[in-house]
Every structure is written in structure tokens, then in C-alpha cells.
Amino acid sequence: MLSNSVEGYGIRLDDGMWGGWYRVVKNGNVMEQGYAPRFYRTESEAQENAHHYGLAKAERYFHRETRLVSEVNGNP
């Protein structure tokens, strides 16, 4: 398991942005968790909302770059 990660379920839009439930893990500890636009708590919830954005399906979101959390929240 990665010691620094961002994980959650969401859908990826054409602009490359993600949204929904996320959790930030640093050095094995959960430092932050919450909601960002277009993220969802479960994969099924993301699937149900994917059609709203014209997507066929939702995708599992997992990335070790914690900077993505500030990006999806609109902070560079």
C-alpha cells in the first residue's frame, strides 16, 4: 500500500477533473477525507450519476498524488 495516496470513487470529465468522495493518506495516516465536486461515496453512486455528465460509466479513482485533492477543490 502506498504511504501517500488519494482514493475514492468518481467520474473523470473531459477536462481531466475528478469529483466525489476522497481520502488523503500521508505516512499511513488518514489526514483528510471528505467530498469534492463530482465524487461519490460508492462506485454504484458514481455509476448512477455518470450519465448526467454524458459518460457511459464511472471509473475507479486512485492516485498517489495528493495534489489532485486541492485541484479538484479548485485550489492550485
PDB file of N, CA and C in Angstrom:
ATOM      1  N   MET A   1       0.842  -1.193   0.000  1.00  0.00           N
ATOM      2  CA  MET A   1       0.000   0.000   0.000  1.00  0.00           C
ATOM      3  C   MET A   1       0.878   1.244   0.000  1.00  0.00           C
ATOM      4  N   LEU A   2       0.448   2.241  -0.743  1.00  0.00           N
ATOM      5  CA  LEU A   2       1.192   3.482  -0.809  1.00  0.00           C
ATOM      6  C   LEU A   2       1.037   4.240   0.499  1.00  0.00           C
ATOM      7  N   SER A   3       2.121   4.881   0.936  1.00  0.00           N
ATOM      8  CA  SER A   3       2.043   5.626   2.180  1.00  0.00           C
ATOM      9  C   SER A   3       1.379   6.985   1.984  1.00  0.00           C
ATOM     10  N   ASN A   4       1.427   7.497   0.742  1.00  0.00           N
ATOM     11  CA  ASN A   4       0.773   8.761   0.427  1.00  0.00           C
ATOM     12  C   ASN A   4      -0.165   8.527  -0.747  1.00  0.00           C
ATOM     13  N   SER A   5      -1.444   8.758  -0.546  1.00  0.00           N
ATOM     14  CA  SER A   5      -2.385   8.464  -1.612  1.00  0.00           C
ATOM     15  C   SER A   5      -3.645   9.297  -1.477  1.00  0.00           C
ATOM     16  N   VAL A   6      -4.357   9.362  -2.580  1.00  0.00           N
ATOM     17  CA  VAL A   6      -5.705   9.920  -2.603  1.00  0.00           C
ATOM     18  C   VAL A   6      -6.561   8.854  -3.244  1.00  0.00           C
ATOM     19  N   GLU A   7      -7.662   8.513  -2.622  1.00  0.00           N
ATOM     20  CA  GLU A   7      -8.508   7.475  -3.184  1.00  0.00           C
ATOM     21  C   GLU A   7      -9.968   7.825  -3.010  1.00  0.00           C
ATOM     22  N   GLY A   8     -10.797   7.209  -3.821  1.00  0.00           N
ATOM     23  CA  GLY A   8     -12.225   7.454  -3.752  1.00  0.00           C
ATOM     24  C   GLY A   8     -12.883   6.956  -5.027  1.00  0.00           C
ATOM     25  N   TYR A   9     -14.149   7.235  -5.152  1.00  0.00           N
ATOM     26  CA  TYR A   9     -14.873   6.872  -6.359  1.00  0.00           C
ATOM     27  C   TYR A   9     -15.332   8.147  -7.039  1.00  0.00           C
ATOM     28  N   GLY A  10     -15.276   8.141  -8.359  1.00  0.00           N
ATOM     29  CA  GLY A  10     -15.718   9.339  -9.051  1.00  0.00           C
ATOM     30  C   GLY A  10     -15.784   9.124 -10.537  1.00  0.00           C
ATOM     31  N   ILE A  11     -16.052  10.191 -11.237  1.00  0.00           N
ATOM     32  CA  ILE A  11     -16.074  10.137 -12.689  1.00  0.00           C
ATOM     33  C   ILE A  11     -15.094  11.176 -13.207  1.00  0.00           C
ATOM     34  N   ARG A  12     -14.479  10.841 -14.316  1.00  0.00           N
ATOM     35  CA  ARG A  12     -13.498  11.733 -14.910  1.00  0.00           C
ATOM     36  C   ARG A  12     -14.150  12.429 -16.096  1.00  0.00           C
ATOM     37  N   LEU A  13     -14.068  13.743 -16.104  1.00  0.00           N
ATOM     38  CA  LEU A  13     -14.665  14.511 -17.189  1.00  0.00           C
ATOM     39  C   LEU A  13     -13.625  14.788 -18.263  1.00  0.00           C
ATOM     40  N   ASP A  14     -14.076  15.344 -19.369  1.00  0.00           N
ATOM     41  CA  ASP A  14     -13.177  15.639 -20.478  1.00  0.00           C
ATOM     42  C   ASP A  14     -12.064  16.602 -20.072  1.00  0.00           C
ATOM     43  N   ASP A  15     -12.331  17.450 -19.092  1.00  0.00           N
ATOM     44  CA  ASP A  15     -11.305  18.402 -18.673  1.00  0.00           C
ATOM     45  C   ASP A  15     -10.276  17.753 -17.745  1.00  0.00           C
ATOM     46  N   GLY A  16     -10.436  16.438 -17.498  1.00  0.00           N
ATOM     47  CA  GLY A  16      -9.475  15.728 -16.672  1.00  0.00           C
ATOM     48  C   GLY A  16      -9.719  15.845 -15.184  1.00  0.00           C
ATOM     49  N   MET A  17     -10.768  16.564 -14.798  1.00  0.00           N
ATOM     50  CA  MET A  17     -11.054  16.739 -13.377  1.00  0.00           C
ATOM     51  C   MET A  17     -11.881  15.568 -12.851  1.00  0.00           C
ATOM     52  N   TRP A  18     -11.704  15.299 -11.574  1.00  0.00           N
ATOM     53  CA  TRP A  18     -12.458  14.247 -10.900  1.00  0.00           C
ATOM     54  C   TRP A  18     -13.299  14.886  -9.818  1.00  0.00           C
ATOM     55  N   GLY A  19     -14.250  14.139  -9.333  1.00  0.00           N
ATOM     56  CA  GLY A  19     -15.006  14.643  -8.201  1.00  0.00           C
ATOM     57  C   GLY A  19     -15.563  13.510  -7.367  1.00  0.00           C
ATOM     58  N   GLY A  20     -15.971  13.783  -6.105  1.00  0.00           N
ATOM     59  CA  GLY A  20     -16.614  12.801  -5.266  1.00  0.00           C
ATOM     60  C   GLY A  20     -15.945  12.593  -3.929  1.00  0.00           C
ATOM     61  N   TRP A  21     -16.179  11.431  -3.349  1.00  0.00           N
ATOM     62  CA  TRP A  21     -15.584  11.098  -2.061  1.00  0.00           C
ATOM     63  C   TRP A  21     -14.094  10.880  -2.229  1.00  0.00           C
ATOM     64  N   TYR A  22     -13.318  11.353  -1.290  1.00  0.00           N
ATOM     65  CA  TYR A  22     -11.882  11.122  -1.347  1.00  0.00           C
ATOM     66  C   TYR A  22     -11.312  10.979   0.055  1.00  0.00           C
ATOM     67  N   ARG A  23     -10.140  10.411   0.119  1.00  0.00           N
ATOM     68  CA  ARG A  23      -9.419  10.276   1.376  1.00  0.00           C
ATOM     69  C   ARG A  23      -7.949  10.506   1.082  1.00  0.00           C
ATOM     70  N   VAL A  24      -7.315  11.323   1.889  1.00  0.00           N
ATOM     71  CA  VAL A  24      -5.890  11.586   1.735  1.00  0.00           C
ATOM     72  C   VAL A  24      -5.147  10.821   2.821  1.00  0.00           C
ATOM     73  N   VAL A  25      -4.191   9.999   2.405  1.00  0.00           N
ATOM     74  CA  VAL A  25      -3.390   9.233   3.344  1.00  0.00           C
ATOM     75  C   VAL A  25      -1.945   9.711   3.241  1.00  0.00           C
ATOM     76  N   LYS A  26      -1.374  10.100   4.374  1.00  0.00           N
ATOM     77  CA  LYS A  26       0.026  10.511   4.408  1.00  0.00           C
ATOM     78  C   LYS A  26       0.728   9.711   5.482  1.00  0.00           C
ATOM     79  N   ASN A  27       1.829   9.081   5.096  1.00  0.00           N
ATOM     80  CA  ASN A  27       2.607   8.261   6.021  1.00  0.00           C
ATOM     81  C   ASN A  27       1.737   7.233   6.737  1.00  0.00           C
ATOM     82  N   GLY A  28       0.779   6.681   5.998  1.00  0.00           N
ATOM     83  CA  GLY A  28      -0.074   5.638   6.553  1.00  0.00           C
ATOM     84  C   GLY A  28      -1.223   6.143   7.404  1.00  0.00           C
ATOM     85  N   ASN A  29      -1.337   7.446   7.594  1.00  0.00           N
ATOM     86  CA  ASN A  29      -2.400   8.013   8.416  1.00  0.00           C
ATOM     87  C   ASN A  29      -3.387   8.787   7.552  1.00  0.00           C
ATOM     88  N   VAL A  30      -4.665   8.676   7.875  1.00  0.00           N
ATOM     89  CA  VAL A  30      -5.675   9.444   7.153  1.00  0.00           C
ATOM     90  C   VAL A  30      -5.602  10.889   7.650  1.00  0.00           C
ATOM     91  N   MET A  31      -5.182  11.793   6.742  1.00  0.00           N
ATOM     92  CA  MET A  31      -5.006  13.188   7.116  1.00  0.00           C
ATOM     93  C   MET A  31      -6.242  14.033   6.810  1.00  0.00           C
ATOM     94  N   GLU A  32      -6.978  13.608   5.791  1.00  0.00           N
ATOM     95  CA  GLU A  32      -8.120  14.400   5.343  1.00  0.00           C
ATOM     96  C   GLU A  32      -9.061  13.483   4.592  1.00  0.00           C
ATOM     97  N   GLN A  33     -10.334  13.702   4.748  1.00  0.00           N
ATOM     98  CA  GLN A  33     -11.304  12.987   3.930  1.00  0.00           C
ATOM     99  C   GLN A  33     -12.546  13.841   3.831  1.00  0.00           C
ATOM    100  N   GLY A  34     -13.281  13.656   2.768  1.00  0.00           N
ATOM    101  CA  GLY A  34     -14.471  14.471   2.592  1.00  0.00           C
ATOM    102  C   GLY A  34     -15.006  14.361   1.191  1.00  0.00           C
ATOM    103  N   TYR A  35     -15.627  15.437   0.741  1.00  0.00           N
ATOM    104  CA  TYR A  35     -16.281  15.420  -0.556  1.00  0.00           C
ATOM    105  C   TYR A  35     -15.739  16.548  -1.425  1.00  0.00           C
ATOM    106  N   ALA A  36     -15.641  16.270  -2.680  1.00  0.00           N
ATOM    107  CA  ALA A  36     -15.289  17.283  -3.666  1.00  0.00           C
ATOM    108  C   ALA A  36     -16.312  17.154  -4.790  1.00  0.00           C
ATOM    109  N   PRO A  37     -16.482  18.184  -5.590  1.00  0.00           N
ATOM    110  CA  PRO A  37     -17.491  18.106  -6.658  1.00  0.00           C
ATOM    111  C   PRO A  37     -17.297  16.875  -7.532  1.00  0.00           C
ATOM    112  N   ARG A  38     -18.395  16.169  -7.781  1.00  0.00           N
ATOM    113  CA  ARG A  38     -18.434  15.041  -8.701  1.00  0.00           C
ATOM    114  C   ARG A  38     -17.767  13.782  -8.164  1.00  0.00           C
ATOM    115  N   PHE A  39     -17.466  13.726  -6.868  1.00  0.00           N
ATOM    116  CA  PHE A  39     -17.011  12.476  -6.277  1.00  0.00           C
ATOM    117  C   PHE A  39     -18.172  11.832  -5.543  1.00  0.00           C
ATOM    118  N   TYR A  40     -18.146  10.522  -5.425  1.00  0.00           N
ATOM    119  CA  TYR A  40     -19.250   9.802  -4.787  1.00  0.00           C
ATOM    120  C   TYR A  40     -18.714   8.766  -3.813  1.00  0.00           C
ATOM    121  N   ARG A  41     -19.498   8.470  -2.799  1.00  0.00           N
ATOM    122  CA  ARG A  41     -19.052   7.570  -1.739  1.00  0.00           C
ATOM    123  C   ARG A  41     -18.866   6.132  -2.211  1.00  0.00           C
ATOM    124  N   THR A  42     -19.669   5.726  -3.179  1.00  0.00           N
ATOM    125  CA  THR A  42     -19.577   4.349  -3.651  1.00  0.00           C
ATOM    126  C   THR A  42     -19.498   4.322  -5.169  1.00  0.00           C
ATOM    127  N   GLU A  43     -19.003   3.221  -5.687  1.00  0.00           N
ATOM    128  CA  GLU A  43     -18.917   3.078  -7.133  1.00  0.00           C
ATOM    129  C   GLU A  43     -20.308   3.100  -7.758  1.00  0.00           C
ATOM    130  N   SER A  44     -21.288   2.452  -7.110  1.00  0.00           N
ATOM    131  CA  SER A  44     -22.635   2.419  -7.672  1.00  0.00           C
ATOM    132  C   SER A  44     -23.250   3.813  -7.733  1.00  0.00           C
ATOM    133  N   GLU A  45     -22.981   4.632  -6.716  1.00  0.00           N
ATOM    134  CA  GLU A  45     -23.491   6.008  -6.721  1.00  0.00           C
ATOM    135  C   GLU A  45     -22.852   6.794  -7.870  1.00  0.00           C
ATOM    136  N   ALA A  46     -21.562   6.565  -8.103  1.00  0.00           N
ATOM    137  CA  ALA A  46     -20.881   7.229  -9.212  1.00  0.00           C
ATOM    138  C   ALA A  46     -21.453   6.755 -10.544  1.00  0.00           C
ATOM    139  N   GLN A  47     -21.721   5.457 -10.636  1.00  0.00           N
ATOM    140  CA  GLN A  47     -22.283   4.915 -11.877  1.00  0.00           C
ATOM    141  C   GLN A  47     -23.634   5.558 -12.170  1.00  0.00           C
ATOM    142  N   GLU A  48     -24.437   5.709 -11.133  1.00  0.00           N
ATOM    143  CA  GLU A  48     -25.773   6.264 -11.306  1.00  0.00           C
ATOM    144  C   GLU A  48     -25.722   7.715 -11.782  1.00  0.00           C
ATOM    145  N   ASN A  49     -24.675   8.433 -11.405  1.00  0.00           N
ATOM    146  CA  ASN A  49     -24.570   9.843 -11.759  1.00  0.00           C
ATOM    147  C   ASN A  49     -23.752  10.088 -13.013  1.00  0.00           C
ATOM    148  N   ALA A  50     -23.089   9.062 -13.517  1.00  0.00           N
ATOM    149  CA  ALA A  50     -22.200   9.239 -14.667  1.00  0.00           C
ATOM    150  C   ALA A  50     -22.952   9.734 -15.895  1.00  0.00           C
ATOM    151  N   HIS A  51     -24.171   9.240 -16.084  1.00  0.00           N
ATOM    152  CA  HIS A  51     -24.920   9.624 -17.275  1.00  0.00           C
ATOM    153  C   HIS A  51     -25.230  11.117 -17.295  1.00  0.00           C
ATOM    154  N   HIS A  52     -25.263  11.739 -16.119  1.00  0.00           N
ATOM    155  CA  HIS A  52     -25.537  13.173 -16.036  1.00  0.00           C
ATOM    156  C   HIS A  52     -24.450  13.971 -16.761  1.00  0.00           C
ATOM    157  N   TYR A  53     -23.247  13.407 -16.796  1.00  0.00           N
ATOM    158  CA  TYR A  53     -22.126  14.080 -17.442  1.00  0.00           C
ATOM    159  C   TYR A  53     -21.842  13.491 -18.817  1.00  0.00           C
ATOM    160  N   GLY A  54     -22.778  12.678 -19.321  1.00  0.00           N
ATOM    161  CA  GLY A  54     -22.636  12.144 -20.664  1.00  0.00           C
ATOM    162  C   GLY A  54     -21.610  11.031 -20.767  1.00  0.00           C
ATOM    163  N   LEU A  55     -21.341  10.351 -19.657  1.00  0.00           N
ATOM    164  CA  LEU A  55     -20.364   9.272 -19.660  1.00  0.00           C
ATOM    165  C   LEU A  55     -21.073   7.929 -19.573  1.00  0.00           C
ATOM    166  N   ALA A  56     -20.492   6.935 -20.197  1.00  0.00           N
ATOM    167  CA  ALA A  56     -21.094   5.605 -20.193  1.00  0.00           C
ATOM    168  C   ALA A  56     -20.923   4.929 -18.846  1.00  0.00           C
ATOM    169  N   LYS A  57     -19.837   5.233 -18.156  1.00  0.00           N
ATOM    170  CA  LYS A  57     -19.595   4.566 -16.876  1.00  0.00           C
ATOM    171  C   LYS A  57     -18.716   5.431 -15.993  1.00  0.00           C
ATOM    172  N   ALA A  58     -18.741   5.141 -14.714  1.00  0.00           N
ATOM    173  CA  ALA A  58     -17.828   5.780 -13.778  1.00  0.00           C
ATOM    174  C   ALA A  58     -16.555   4.955 -13.717  1.00  0.00           C
ATOM    175  N   GLU A  59     -15.496   5.573 -13.259  1.00  0.00           N
ATOM    176  CA  GLU A  59     -14.226   4.872 -13.157  1.00  0.00           C
ATOM    177  C   GLU A  59     -13.724   4.945 -11.722  1.00  0.00           C
ATOM    178  N   ARG A  60     -12.991   3.925 -11.334  1.00  0.00           N
ATOM    179  CA  ARG A  60     -12.382   3.927 -10.006  1.00  0.00           C
ATOM    180  C   ARG A  60     -11.286   4.969 -10.000  1.00  0.00           C
ATOM    181  N   TYR A  61     -11.264   5.804  -8.956  1.00  0.00           N
ATOM    182  CA  TYR A  61     -10.249   6.845  -8.849  1.00  0.00           C
ATOM    183  C   TYR A  61      -9.235   6.444  -7.794  1.00  0.00           C
ATOM    184  N   PHE A  62      -7.995   6.383  -8.180  1.00  0.00           N
ATOM    185  CA  PHE A  62      -6.929   6.130  -7.213  1.00  0.00           C
ATOM    186  C   PHE A  62      -5.674   6.798  -7.728  1.00  0.00           C
ATOM    187  N   HIS A  63      -5.076   7.626  -6.926  1.00  0.00           N
ATOM    188  CA  HIS A  63      -3.865   8.305  -7.353  1.00  0.00           C
ATOM    189  C   HIS A  63      -3.007   8.610  -6.141  1.00  0.00           C
ATOM    190  N   ARG A  64      -1.712   8.453  -6.286  1.00  0.00           N
ATOM    191  CA  ARG A  64      -0.816   8.695  -5.159  1.00  0.00           C
ATOM    192  C   ARG A  64      -0.451  10.159  -5.010  1.00  0.00           C
ATOM    193  N   GLU A  65      -0.853  10.993  -5.960  1.00  0.00           N
ATOM    194  CA  GLU A  65      -0.514  12.408  -5.899  1.00  0.00           C
ATOM    195  C   GLU A  65      -1.558  13.159  -5.083  1.00  0.00           C
ATOM    196  N   THR A  66      -1.201  13.573  -3.886  1.00  0.00           N
ATOM    197  CA  THR A  66      -2.166  14.253  -3.026  1.00  0.00           C
ATOM    198  C   THR A  66      -2.534  15.627  -3.577  1.00  0.00           C
ATOM    199  N   ARG A  67      -1.734  16.159  -4.491  1.00  0.00           N
ATOM    200  CA  ARG A  67      -2.046  17.476  -5.055  1.00  0.00           C
ATOM    201  C   ARG A  67      -3.371  17.459  -5.797  1.00  0.00           C
ATOM    202  N   LEU A  68      -3.820  16.275  -6.262  1.00  0.00           N
ATOM    203  CA  LEU A  68      -5.073  16.203  -7.008  1.00  0.00           C
ATOM    204  C   LEU A  68      -6.261  16.632  -6.152  1.00  0.00           C
ATOM    205  N   VAL A  69      -6.157  16.441  -4.839  1.00  0.00           N
ATOM    206  CA  VAL A  69      -7.275  16.835  -3.982  1.00  0.00           C
ATOM    207  C   VAL A  69      -7.475  18.335  -4.030  1.00  0.00           C
ATOM    208  N   SER A  70      -6.389  19.109  -3.930  1.00  0.00           N
ATOM    209  CA  SER A  70      -6.540  20.553  -3.992  1.00  0.00           C
ATOM    210  C   SER A  70      -6.988  20.984  -5.380  1.00  0.00           C
ATOM    211  N   GLU A  71      -6.585  20.254  -6.411  1.00  0.00           N
ATOM    212  CA  GLU A  71      -7.007  20.599  -7.761  1.00  0.00           C
ATOM    213  C   GLU A  71      -8.507  20.416  -7.945  1.00  0.00           C
ATOM    214  N   VAL A  72      -9.053  19.306  -7.461  1.00  0.00           N
ATOM    215  CA  VAL A  72     -10.485  19.092  -7.645  1.00  0.00           C
ATOM    216  C   VAL A  72     -11.300  20.055  -6.780  1.00  0.00           C
ATOM    217  N   ASN A  73     -10.676  20.588  -5.738  1.00  0.00           N
ATOM    218  CA  ASN A  73     -11.361  21.575  -4.912  1.00  0.00           C
ATOM    219  C   ASN A  73     -11.170  22.991  -5.434  1.00  0.00           C
ATOM    220  N   GLY A  74     -10.468  23.132  -6.551  1.00  0.00           N
ATOM    221  CA  GLY A  74     -10.316  24.435  -7.171  1.00  0.00           C
ATOM    222  C   GLY A  74      -9.157  25.248  -6.639  1.00  0.00           C
ATOM    223  N   ASN A  75      -8.274  24.618  -5.866  1.00  0.00           N
ATOM    224  CA  ASN A  75      -7.114  25.332  -5.354  1.00  0.00           C
ATOM    225  C   ASN A  75      -5.860  24.787  -6.030  1.00  0.00           C
ATOM    226  N   PRO A  76      -5.121  25.648  -6.712  1.00  0.00           N
ATOM    227  CA  PRO A  76      -3.925  25.171  -7.431  1.00  0.00           C
ATOM    228  C   PRO A  76      -2.842  24.671  -6.484  1.00  0.00           C
TER     229      PRO A  76
END
